[in-house]
Amino acid sequence: MVFVSAEILVRPGEVDGFVTACGAALRHITEVPGCRFARVTRSVGDPGRFVVLSEWDSLESFHQGFYGTENFDRWRAAVSRFFVEPPRIEQLVDVLDRSTIGQDH
């Protein structure tokens, strides 16, 4: 399982438009085989900073199923006009979770 985090900075005055565009375009991520979930989160302290979080079956399902595909192109076409700069993308894996707390590693 892999998590993908995309930090997006939205131009001032464009936040509502970005949220609306995300609402319509998020399906371009969630409909991809291997995507377990995707959500759009917003910073409490910086209302122009968003993080799109998604969970994937594997790094391959993200790279081969979404990144560089028509779904990726559709997602970017819908939301990229609101970006201050290109998103900062991170791919993350679990190290510890609730089920492993207190176990020897």
PDB file of N, CA and C in Angstrom:
ATOM      1  N   MET A   1       0.843  -1.169   0.000  1.00  0.00           N
ATOM      2  CA  MET A   1       0.000   0.000   0.000  1.00  0.00           C
ATOM      3  C   MET A   1       0.893   1.238   0.000  1.00  0.00           C
ATOM      4  N   VAL A   2       0.516   2.215  -0.801  1.00  0.00           N
ATOM      5  CA  VAL A   2       1.272   3.456  -0.946  1.00  0.00           C
ATOM      6  C   VAL A   2       0.314   4.629  -0.840  1.00  0.00           C
ATOM      7  N   PHE A   3       0.737   5.647  -0.139  1.00  0.00           N
ATOM      8  CA  PHE A   3      -0.013   6.894  -0.066  1.00  0.00           C
ATOM      9  C   PHE A   3       0.687   7.912  -0.944  1.00  0.00           C
ATOM     10  N   VAL A   4      -0.091   8.728  -1.627  1.00  0.00           N
ATOM     11  CA  VAL A   4       0.470   9.808  -2.424  1.00  0.00           C
ATOM     12  C   VAL A   4      -0.097  11.107  -1.893  1.00  0.00           C
ATOM     13  N   SER A   5       0.785  12.042  -1.627  1.00  0.00           N
ATOM     14  CA  SER A   5       0.428  13.361  -1.125  1.00  0.00           C
ATOM     15  C   SER A   5       0.834  14.392  -2.169  1.00  0.00           C
ATOM     16  N   ALA A   6      -0.106  15.225  -2.560  1.00  0.00           N
ATOM     17  CA  ALA A   6       0.190  16.305  -3.502  1.00  0.00           C
ATOM     18  C   ALA A   6      -0.168  17.630  -2.831  1.00  0.00           C
ATOM     19  N   GLU A   7       0.853  18.387  -2.436  1.00  0.00           N
ATOM     20  CA  GLU A   7       0.632  19.697  -1.827  1.00  0.00           C
ATOM     21  C   GLU A   7       0.427  20.717  -2.942  1.00  0.00           C
ATOM     22  N   ILE A   8      -0.689  21.418  -2.866  1.00  0.00           N
ATOM     23  CA  ILE A   8      -1.057  22.367  -3.912  1.00  0.00           C
ATOM     24  C   ILE A   8      -1.280  23.740  -3.285  1.00  0.00           C
ATOM     25  N   LEU A   9      -0.601  24.730  -3.817  1.00  0.00           N
ATOM     26  CA  LEU A   9      -0.812  26.117  -3.405  1.00  0.00           C
ATOM     27  C   LEU A   9      -1.688  26.771  -4.459  1.00  0.00           C
ATOM     28  N   VAL A  10      -2.806  27.335  -3.995  1.00  0.00           N
ATOM     29  CA  VAL A  10      -3.805  27.913  -4.896  1.00  0.00           C
ATOM     30  C   VAL A  10      -3.687  29.436  -4.866  1.00  0.00           C
ATOM     31  N   ARG A  11      -3.803  30.024  -6.043  1.00  0.00           N
ATOM     32  CA  ARG A  11      -3.696  31.483  -6.171  1.00  0.00           C
ATOM     33  C   ARG A  11      -4.753  32.178  -5.310  1.00  0.00           C
ATOM     34  N   PRO A  12      -4.379  33.293  -4.696  1.00  0.00           N
ATOM     35  CA  PRO A  12      -5.351  34.061  -3.906  1.00  0.00           C
ATOM     36  C   PRO A  12      -6.579  34.407  -4.749  1.00  0.00           C
ATOM     37  N   GLY A  13      -7.734  34.295  -4.142  1.00  0.00           N
ATOM     38  CA  GLY A  13      -8.980  34.599  -4.813  1.00  0.00           C
ATOM     39  C   GLY A  13      -9.524  33.464  -5.669  1.00  0.00           C
ATOM     40  N   GLU A  14      -8.780  32.354  -5.778  1.00  0.00           N
ATOM     41  CA  GLU A  14      -9.173  31.230  -6.637  1.00  0.00           C
ATOM     42  C   GLU A  14      -9.563  29.978  -5.850  1.00  0.00           C
ATOM     43  N   VAL A  15      -9.607  30.088  -4.523  1.00  0.00           N
ATOM     44  CA  VAL A  15      -9.849  28.918  -3.678  1.00  0.00           C
ATOM     45  C   VAL A  15     -11.204  28.271  -3.975  1.00  0.00           C
ATOM     46  N   ASP A  16     -12.271  29.058  -4.051  1.00  0.00           N
ATOM     47  CA  ASP A  16     -13.593  28.488  -4.306  1.00  0.00           C
ATOM     48  C   ASP A  16     -13.648  27.792  -5.669  1.00  0.00           C
ATOM     49  N   GLY A  17     -13.040  28.382  -6.662  1.00  0.00           N
ATOM     50  CA  GLY A  17     -12.989  27.771  -7.981  1.00  0.00           C
ATOM     51  C   GLY A  17     -12.215  26.465  -7.966  1.00  0.00           C
ATOM     52  N   PHE A  18     -11.122  26.430  -7.212  1.00  0.00           N
ATOM     53  CA  PHE A  18     -10.336  25.206  -7.091  1.00  0.00           C
ATOM     54  C   PHE A  18     -11.146  24.099  -6.430  1.00  0.00           C
ATOM     55  N   VAL A  19     -11.828  24.426  -5.351  1.00  0.00           N
ATOM     56  CA  VAL A  19     -12.639  23.428  -4.644  1.00  0.00           C
ATOM     57  C   VAL A  19     -13.727  22.881  -5.562  1.00  0.00           C
ATOM     58  N   THR A  20     -14.387  23.756  -6.299  1.00  0.00           N
ATOM     59  CA  THR A  20     -15.423  23.316  -7.240  1.00  0.00           C
ATOM     60  C   THR A  20     -14.829  22.403  -8.306  1.00  0.00           C
ATOM     61  N   ALA A  21     -13.691  22.798  -8.863  1.00  0.00           N
ATOM     62  CA  ALA A  21     -13.036  21.980  -9.888  1.00  0.00           C
ATOM     63  C   ALA A  21     -12.623  20.622  -9.332  1.00  0.00           C
ATOM     64  N   CYS A  22     -12.120  20.590  -8.117  1.00  0.00           N
ATOM     65  CA  CYS A  22     -11.741  19.320  -7.485  1.00  0.00           C
ATOM     66  C   CYS A  22     -12.950  18.413  -7.299  1.00  0.00           C
ATOM     67  N   GLY A  23     -14.067  19.002  -6.906  1.00  0.00           N
ATOM     68  CA  GLY A  23     -15.277  18.209  -6.712  1.00  0.00           C
ATOM     69  C   GLY A  23     -15.683  17.473  -7.965  1.00  0.00           C
ATOM     70  N   ALA A  24     -15.526  18.115  -9.098  1.00  0.00           N
ATOM     71  CA  ALA A  24     -15.881  17.482 -10.372  1.00  0.00           C
ATOM     72  C   ALA A  24     -14.788  16.548 -10.879  1.00  0.00           C
ATOM     73  N   ALA A  25     -13.528  16.834 -10.545  1.00  0.00           N
ATOM     74  CA  ALA A  25     -12.405  16.105 -11.150  1.00  0.00           C
ATOM     75  C   ALA A  25     -11.845  14.972 -10.291  1.00  0.00           C
ATOM     76  N   LEU A  26     -12.205  14.907  -9.039  1.00  0.00           N
ATOM     77  CA  LEU A  26     -11.632  13.888  -8.157  1.00  0.00           C
ATOM     78  C   LEU A  26     -11.910  12.474  -8.667  1.00  0.00           C
ATOM     79  N   ARG A  27     -12.986  12.306  -9.397  1.00  0.00           N
ATOM     80  CA  ARG A  27     -13.327  10.984  -9.940  1.00  0.00           C
ATOM     81  C   ARG A  27     -12.255  10.479 -10.905  1.00  0.00           C
ATOM     82  N   HIS A  28     -11.493  11.381 -11.513  1.00  0.00           N
ATOM     83  CA  HIS A  28     -10.431  10.957 -12.421  1.00  0.00           C
ATOM     84  C   HIS A  28      -9.329  10.219 -11.668  1.00  0.00           C
ATOM     85  N   ILE A  29      -9.280  10.407 -10.360  1.00  0.00           N
ATOM     86  CA  ILE A  29      -8.351   9.660  -9.512  1.00  0.00           C
ATOM     87  C   ILE A  29      -9.048   8.422  -8.955  1.00  0.00           C
ATOM     88  N   THR A  30     -10.219   8.611  -8.355  1.00  0.00           N
ATOM     89  CA  THR A  30     -10.872   7.516  -7.639  1.00  0.00           C
ATOM     90  C   THR A  30     -11.361   6.392  -8.535  1.00  0.00           C
ATOM     91  N   GLU A  31     -11.578   6.657  -9.811  1.00  0.00           N
ATOM     92  CA  GLU A  31     -12.052   5.612 -10.722  1.00  0.00           C
ATOM     93  C   GLU A  31     -10.930   4.714 -11.254  1.00  0.00           C
ATOM     94  N   VAL A  32      -9.703   5.031 -10.946  1.00  0.00           N
ATOM     95  CA  VAL A  32      -8.564   4.261 -11.441  1.00  0.00           C
ATOM     96  C   VAL A  32      -8.438   2.960 -10.635  1.00  0.00           C
ATOM     97  N   PRO A  33      -8.344   1.819 -11.313  1.00  0.00           N
ATOM     98  CA  PRO A  33      -8.113   0.568 -10.593  1.00  0.00           C
ATOM     99  C   PRO A  33      -6.851   0.668  -9.740  1.00  0.00           C
ATOM    100  N   GLY A  34      -6.951   0.215  -8.513  1.00  0.00           N
ATOM    101  CA  GLY A  34      -5.815   0.289  -7.593  1.00  0.00           C
ATOM    102  C   GLY A  34      -5.881   1.465  -6.647  1.00  0.00           C
ATOM    103  N   CYS A  35      -6.751   2.444  -6.928  1.00  0.00           N
ATOM    104  CA  CYS A  35      -6.928   3.577  -6.017  1.00  0.00           C
ATOM    105  C   CYS A  35      -7.926   3.167  -4.940  1.00  0.00           C
ATOM    106  N   ARG A  36      -7.502   3.198  -3.707  1.00  0.00           N
ATOM    107  CA  ARG A  36      -8.378   2.825  -2.586  1.00  0.00           C
ATOM    108  C   ARG A  36      -9.218   4.003  -2.108  1.00  0.00           C
ATOM    109  N   PHE A  37      -8.647   5.183  -2.103  1.00  0.00           N
ATOM    110  CA  PHE A  37      -9.399   6.394  -1.778  1.00  0.00           C
ATOM    111  C   PHE A  37      -8.601   7.606  -2.224  1.00  0.00           C
ATOM    112  N   ALA A  38      -9.285   8.713  -2.342  1.00  0.00           N
ATOM    113  CA  ALA A  38      -8.642  10.002  -2.582  1.00  0.00           C
ATOM    114  C   ALA A  38      -9.495  11.055  -1.898  1.00  0.00           C
ATOM    115  N   ARG A  39      -8.834  12.032  -1.343  1.00  0.00           N
ATOM    116  CA  ARG A  39      -9.551  13.129  -0.693  1.00  0.00           C
ATOM    117  C   ARG A  39      -8.747  14.410  -0.842  1.00  0.00           C
ATOM    118  N   VAL A  40      -9.447  15.516  -0.752  1.00  0.00           N
ATOM    119  CA  VAL A  40      -8.823  16.829  -0.817  1.00  0.00           C
ATOM    120  C   VAL A  40      -8.930  17.440   0.567  1.00  0.00           C
ATOM    121  N   THR A  41      -7.786  17.840   1.129  1.00  0.00           N
ATOM    122  CA  THR A  41      -7.758  18.467   2.443  1.00  0.00           C
ATOM    123  C   THR A  41      -7.234  19.890   2.305  1.00  0.00           C
ATOM    124  N   ARG A  42      -7.556  20.700   3.296  1.00  0.00           N
ATOM    125  CA  ARG A  42      -7.172  22.113   3.261  1.00  0.00           C
ATOM    126  C   ARG A  42      -6.523  22.494   4.579  1.00  0.00           C
ATOM    127  N   SER A  43      -5.484  23.291   4.515  1.00  0.00           N
ATOM    128  CA  SER A  43      -4.807  23.779   5.711  1.00  0.00           C
ATOM    129  C   SER A  43      -5.728  24.698   6.501  1.00  0.00           C
ATOM    130  N   VAL A  44      -5.744  24.524   7.799  1.00  0.00           N
ATOM    131  CA  VAL A  44      -6.522  25.407   8.663  1.00  0.00           C
ATOM    132  C   VAL A  44      -5.837  26.774   8.761  1.00  0.00           C
ATOM    133  N   GLY A  45      -4.514  26.772   8.854  1.00  0.00           N
ATOM    134  CA  GLY A  45      -3.773  28.017   9.020  1.00  0.00           C
ATOM    135  C   GLY A  45      -3.484  28.770   7.739  1.00  0.00           C
ATOM    136  N   ASP A  46      -3.533  28.077   6.605  1.00  0.00           N
ATOM    137  CA  ASP A  46      -3.238  28.693   5.310  1.00  0.00           C
ATOM    138  C   ASP A  46      -4.303  28.241   4.316  1.00  0.00           C
ATOM    139  N   PRO A  47      -5.393  28.985   4.185  1.00  0.00           N
ATOM    140  CA  PRO A  47      -6.526  28.530   3.379  1.00  0.00           C
ATOM    141  C   PRO A  47      -6.243  28.357   1.889  1.00  0.00           C
ATOM    142  N   GLY A  48      -5.095  28.780   1.417  1.00  0.00           N
ATOM    143  CA  GLY A  48      -4.734  28.574   0.022  1.00  0.00           C
ATOM    144  C   GLY A  48      -3.855  27.354  -0.190  1.00  0.00           C
ATOM    145  N   ARG A  49      -3.612  26.595   0.885  1.00  0.00           N
ATOM    146  CA  ARG A  49      -2.765  25.396   0.807  1.00  0.00           C
ATOM    147  C   ARG A  49      -3.639  24.158   0.954  1.00  0.00           C
ATOM    148  N   PHE A  50      -3.597  23.302  -0.055  1.00  0.00           N
ATOM    149  CA  PHE A  50      -4.375  22.075  -0.076  1.00  0.00           C
ATOM    150  C   PHE A  50      -3.435  20.894  -0.188  1.00  0.00           C
ATOM    151  N   VAL A  51      -3.900  19.742   0.274  1.00  0.00           N
ATOM    152  CA  VAL A  51      -3.182  18.492   0.076  1.00  0.00           C
ATOM    153  C   VAL A  51      -4.186  17.475  -0.451  1.00  0.00           C
ATOM    154  N   VAL A  52      -3.885  16.926  -1.610  1.00  0.00           N
ATOM    155  CA  VAL A  52      -4.678  15.833  -2.150  1.00  0.00           C
ATOM    156  C   VAL A  52      -4.002  14.552  -1.691  1.00  0.00           C
ATOM    157  N   LEU A  53      -4.747  13.747  -0.943  1.00  0.00           N
ATOM    158  CA  LEU A  53      -4.235  12.489  -0.423  1.00  0.00           C
ATOM    159  C   LEU A  53      -4.906  11.341  -1.147  1.00  0.00           C
ATOM    160  N   SER A  54      -4.121  10.358  -1.544  1.00  0.00           N
ATOM    161  CA  SER A  54      -4.696   9.166  -2.156  1.00  0.00           C
ATOM    162  C   SER A  54      -3.947   7.942  -1.654  1.00  0.00           C
ATOM    163  N   GLU A  55      -4.650   6.830  -1.635  1.00  0.00           N
ATOM    164  CA  GLU A  55      -4.065   5.558  -1.224  1.00  0.00           C
ATOM    165  C   GLU A  55      -4.185   4.591  -2.393  1.00  0.00           C
ATOM    166  N   TRP A  56      -3.096   3.870  -2.652  1.00  0.00           N
ATOM    167  CA  TRP A  56      -3.007   2.981  -3.804  1.00  0.00           C
ATOM    168  C   TRP A  56      -2.591   1.589  -3.368  1.00  0.00           C
ATOM    169  N   ASP A  57      -3.019   0.583  -4.124  1.00  0.00           N
ATOM    170  CA  ASP A  57      -2.628  -0.795  -3.841  1.00  0.00           C
ATOM    171  C   ASP A  57      -1.118  -0.957  -3.873  1.00  0.00           C
ATOM    172  N   SER A  58      -0.470  -0.233  -4.775  1.00  0.00           N
ATOM    173  CA  SER A  58       0.984  -0.331  -4.926  1.00  0.00           C
ATOM    174  C   SER A  58       1.492   0.917  -5.639  1.00  0.00           C
ATOM    175  N   LEU A  59       2.798   1.095  -5.612  1.00  0.00           N
ATOM    176  CA  LEU A  59       3.407   2.194  -6.346  1.00  0.00           C
ATOM    177  C   LEU A  59       3.161   2.022  -7.843  1.00  0.00           C
ATOM    178  N   GLU A  60       3.175   0.782  -8.303  1.00  0.00           N
ATOM    179  CA  GLU A  60       2.923   0.503  -9.714  1.00  0.00           C
ATOM    180  C   GLU A  60       1.499   0.893 -10.116  1.00  0.00           C
ATOM    181  N   SER A  61       0.530   0.634  -9.234  1.00  0.00           N
ATOM    182  CA  SER A  61      -0.850   1.001  -9.586  1.00  0.00           C
ATOM    183  C   SER A  61      -0.998   2.512  -9.717  1.00  0.00           C
ATOM    184  N   PHE A  62      -0.236   3.260  -8.940  1.00  0.00           N
ATOM    185  CA  PHE A  62      -0.250   4.718  -9.075  1.00  0.00           C
ATOM    186  C   PHE A  62       0.450   5.143 -10.362  1.00  0.00           C
ATOM    187  N   HIS A  63       1.668   4.655 -10.560  1.00  0.00           N
ATOM    188  CA  HIS A  63       2.449   5.079 -11.721  1.00  0.00           C
ATOM    189  C   HIS A  63       1.862   4.613 -13.038  1.00  0.00           C
ATOM    190  N   GLN A  64       1.501   3.351 -13.127  1.00  0.00           N
ATOM    191  CA  GLN A  64       1.026   2.803 -14.391  1.00  0.00           C
ATOM    192  C   GLN A  64      -0.457   3.049 -14.621  1.00  0.00           C
ATOM    193  N   GLY A  65      -1.228   3.123 -13.535  1.00  0.00           N
ATOM    194  CA  GLY A  65      -2.673   3.283 -13.687  1.00  0.00           C
ATOM    195  C   GLY A  65      -3.138   4.722 -13.735  1.00  0.00           C
ATOM    196  N   PHE A  66      -2.348   5.637 -13.166  1.00  0.00           N
ATOM    197  CA  PHE A  66      -2.805   7.031 -13.099  1.00  0.00           C
ATOM    198  C   PHE A  66      -1.795   8.008 -13.674  1.00  0.00           C
ATOM    199  N   TYR A  67      -0.617   8.069 -13.091  1.00  0.00           N
ATOM    200  CA  TYR A  67       0.366   9.074 -13.483  1.00  0.00           C
ATOM    201  C   TYR A  67       0.761   8.887 -14.946  1.00  0.00           C
ATOM    202  N   GLY A  68       0.592   9.912 -15.739  1.00  0.00           N
ATOM    203  CA  GLY A  68       0.933   9.834 -17.150  1.00  0.00           C
ATOM    204  C   GLY A  68      -0.159   9.252 -18.033  1.00  0.00           C
ATOM    205  N   THR A  69      -1.349   9.027 -17.480  1.00  0.00           N
ATOM    206  CA  THR A  69      -2.468   8.479 -18.249  1.00  0.00           C
ATOM    207  C   THR A  69      -3.468   9.586 -18.589  1.00  0.00           C
ATOM    208  N   GLU A  70      -4.496   9.227 -19.348  1.00  0.00           N
ATOM    209  CA  GLU A  70      -5.556  10.192 -19.667  1.00  0.00           C
ATOM    210  C   GLU A  70      -6.252  10.699 -18.414  1.00  0.00           C
ATOM    211  N   ASN A  71      -6.435   9.836 -17.422  1.00  0.00           N
ATOM    212  CA  ASN A  71      -7.064  10.292 -16.178  1.00  0.00           C
ATOM    213  C   ASN A  71      -6.226  11.368 -15.504  1.00  0.00           C
ATOM    214  N   PHE A  72      -4.913  11.186 -15.480  1.00  0.00           N
ATOM    215  CA  PHE A  72      -4.025  12.201 -14.921  1.00  0.00           C
ATOM    216  C   PHE A  72      -4.147  13.499 -15.715  1.00  0.00           C
ATOM    217  N   ASP A  73      -4.123  13.379 -17.034  1.00  0.00           N
ATOM    218  CA  ASP A  73      -4.241  14.566 -17.885  1.00  0.00           C
ATOM    219  C   ASP A  73      -5.557  15.298 -17.637  1.00  0.00           C
ATOM    220  N   ARG A  74      -6.647  14.550 -17.469  1.00  0.00           N
ATOM    221  CA  ARG A  74      -7.959  15.165 -17.201  1.00  0.00           C
ATOM    222  C   ARG A  74      -7.974  15.862 -15.843  1.00  0.00           C
ATOM    223  N   TRP A  75      -7.398  15.200 -14.842  1.00  0.00           N
ATOM    224  CA  TRP A  75      -7.309  15.801 -13.507  1.00  0.00           C
ATOM    225  C   TRP A  75      -6.536  17.117 -13.582  1.00  0.00           C
ATOM    226  N   ARG A  76      -5.358  17.086 -14.184  1.00  0.00           N
ATOM    227  CA  ARG A  76      -4.529  18.288 -14.270  1.00  0.00           C
ATOM    228  C   ARG A  76      -5.206  19.386 -15.084  1.00  0.00           C
ATOM    229  N   ALA A  77      -5.874  19.026 -16.168  1.00  0.00           N
ATOM    230  CA  ALA A  77      -6.552  20.029 -16.990  1.00  0.00           C
ATOM    231  C   ALA A  77      -7.644  20.737 -16.192  1.00  0.00           C
ATOM    232  N   ALA A  78      -8.278  20.016 -15.293  1.00  0.00           N
ATOM    233  CA  ALA A  78      -9.376  20.599 -14.518  1.00  0.00           C
ATOM    234  C   ALA A  78      -8.897  21.515 -13.398  1.00  0.00           C
ATOM    235  N   VAL A  79      -7.725  21.237 -12.835  1.00  0.00           N
ATOM    236  CA  VAL A  79      -7.324  21.962 -11.625  1.00  0.00           C
ATOM    237  C   VAL A  79      -6.051  22.803 -11.753  1.00  0.00           C
ATOM    238  N   SER A  80      -5.223  22.551 -12.749  1.00  0.00           N
ATOM    239  CA  SER A  80      -3.899  23.191 -12.780  1.00  0.00           C
ATOM    240  C   SER A  80      -3.935  24.704 -12.971  1.00  0.00           C
ATOM    241  N   ARG A  81      -4.998  25.225 -13.539  1.00  0.00           N
ATOM    242  CA  ARG A  81      -5.048  26.682 -13.745  1.00  0.00           C
ATOM    243  C   ARG A  81      -5.093  27.461 -12.427  1.00  0.00           C
ATOM    244  N   PHE A  82      -5.374  26.759 -11.327  1.00  0.00           N
ATOM    245  CA  PHE A  82      -5.449  27.404 -10.020  1.00  0.00           C
ATOM    246  C   PHE A  82      -4.126  27.378  -9.259  1.00  0.00           C
ATOM    247  N   PHE A  83      -3.139  26.634  -9.761  1.00  0.00           N
ATOM    248  CA  PHE A  83      -1.878  26.439  -9.044  1.00  0.00           C
ATOM    249  C   PHE A  83      -1.007  27.692  -9.066  1.00  0.00           C
ATOM    250  N   VAL A  84      -0.378  27.982  -7.944  1.00  0.00           N
ATOM    251  CA  VAL A  84       0.661  29.006  -7.869  1.00  0.00           C
ATOM    252  C   VAL A  84       1.933  28.476  -8.520  1.00  0.00           C
ATOM    253  N   GLU A  85       2.205  27.193  -8.302  1.00  0.00           N
ATOM    254  CA  GLU A  85       3.401  26.509  -8.805  1.00  0.00           C
ATOM    255  C   GLU A  85       3.051  25.035  -8.935  1.00  0.00           C
ATOM    256  N   PRO A  86       3.890  24.245  -9.578  1.00  0.00           N
ATOM    257  CA  PRO A  86       3.591  22.813  -9.662  1.00  0.00           C
ATOM    258  C   PRO A  86       3.462  22.188  -8.269  1.00  0.00           C
ATOM    259  N   PRO A  87       2.574  21.226  -8.109  1.00  0.00           N
ATOM    260  CA  PRO A  87       2.407  20.573  -6.805  1.00  0.00           C
ATOM    261  C   PRO A  87       3.675  19.864  -6.353  1.00  0.00           C
ATOM    262  N   ARG A  88       3.811  19.744  -5.068  1.00  0.00           N
ATOM    263  CA  ARG A  88       4.899  18.969  -4.469  1.00  0.00           C
ATOM    264  C   ARG A  88       4.336  17.583  -4.165  1.00  0.00           C
ATOM    265  N   ILE A  89       4.855  16.571  -4.842  1.00  0.00           N
ATOM    266  CA  ILE A  89       4.337  15.211  -4.741  1.00  0.00           C
ATOM    267  C   ILE A  89       5.259  14.365  -3.875  1.00  0.00           C
ATOM    268  N   GLU A  90       4.668  13.596  -2.968  1.00  0.00           N
ATOM    269  CA  GLU A  90       5.415  12.633  -2.164  1.00  0.00           C
ATOM    270  C   GLU A  90       4.697  11.302  -2.219  1.00  0.00           C
ATOM    271  N   GLN A  91       5.467  10.241  -2.245  1.00  0.00           N
ATOM    272  CA  GLN A  91       4.928   8.884  -2.181  1.00  0.00           C
ATOM    273  C   GLN A  91       5.392   8.300  -0.853  1.00  0.00           C
ATOM    274  N   LEU A  92       4.443   7.816  -0.066  1.00  0.00           N
ATOM    275  CA  LEU A  92       4.708   7.432   1.315  1.00  0.00           C
ATOM    276  C   LEU A  92       4.253   6.002   1.586  1.00  0.00           C
ATOM    277  N   VAL A  93       4.940   5.333   2.492  1.00  0.00           N
ATOM    278  CA  VAL A  93       4.530   4.011   2.953  1.00  0.00           C
ATOM    279  C   VAL A  93       4.470   4.021   4.476  1.00  0.00           C
ATOM    280  N   ASP A  94       3.616   3.166   5.035  1.00  0.00           N
ATOM    281  CA  ASP A  94       3.500   3.051   6.487  1.00  0.00           C
ATOM    282  C   ASP A  94       4.766   2.482   7.096  1.00  0.00           C
ATOM    283  N   VAL A  95       5.148   3.018   8.232  1.00  0.00           N
ATOM    284  CA  VAL A  95       6.230   2.473   9.035  1.00  0.00           C
ATOM    285  C   VAL A  95       5.629   1.890  10.314  1.00  0.00           C
ATOM    286  N   LEU A  96       4.754   2.646  10.943  1.00  0.00           N
ATOM    287  CA  LEU A  96       4.029   2.223  12.134  1.00  0.00           C
ATOM    288  C   LEU A  96       2.572   2.616  11.969  1.00  0.00           C
ATOM    289  N   ASP A  97       1.699   1.811  12.526  1.00  0.00           N
ATOM    290  CA  ASP A  97       0.297   2.182  12.598  1.00  0.00           C
ATOM    291  C   ASP A  97      -0.277   1.631  13.898  1.00  0.00           C
ATOM    292  N   ARG A  98      -1.536   1.813  14.103  1.00  0.00           N
ATOM    293  CA  ARG A  98      -2.187   1.408  15.344  1.00  0.00           C
ATOM    294  C   ARG A  98      -1.940  -0.070  15.664  1.00  0.00           C
ATOM    295  N   SER A  99      -1.932  -0.915  14.668  1.00  0.00           N
ATOM    296  CA  SER A  99      -1.775  -2.355  14.908  1.00  0.00           C
ATOM    297  C   SER A  99      -0.347  -2.730  15.321  1.00  0.00           C
ATOM    298  N   THR A 100       0.628  -1.871  15.075  1.00  0.00           N
ATOM    299  CA  THR A 100       2.019  -2.217  15.399  1.00  0.00           C
ATOM    300  C   THR A 100       2.561  -1.466  16.603  1.00  0.00           C
ATOM    301  N   ILE A 101       1.808  -0.544  17.160  1.00  0.00           N
ATOM    302  CA  ILE A 101       2.279   0.213  18.329  1.00  0.00           C
ATOM    303  C   ILE A 101       2.501  -0.736  19.493  1.00  0.00           C
ATOM    304  N   GLY A 102       3.659  -0.617  20.119  1.00  0.00           N
ATOM    305  CA  GLY A 102       3.984  -1.437  21.279  1.00  0.00           C
ATOM    306  C   GLY A 102       4.653  -2.763  20.932  1.00  0.00           C
ATOM    307  N   GLN A 103       4.788  -3.081  19.665  1.00  0.00           N
ATOM    308  CA  GLN A 103       5.460  -4.310  19.263  1.00  0.00           C
ATOM    309  C   GLN A 103       6.944  -4.012  19.056  1.00  0.00           C
ATOM    310  N   ASP A 104       7.774  -5.023  19.271  1.00  0.00           N
ATOM    311  CA  ASP A 104       9.204  -4.865  19.016  1.00  0.00           C
ATOM    312  C   ASP A 104       9.441  -4.816  17.519  1.00  0.00           C
ATOM    313  N   HIS A 105      10.358  -3.968  17.095  1.00  0.00           N
ATOM    314  CA  HIS A 105      10.672  -3.830  15.656  1.00  0.00           C
ATOM    315  C   HIS A 105      12.090  -4.137  15.417  1.00  0.00           C
TER     316      HIS A 105
END
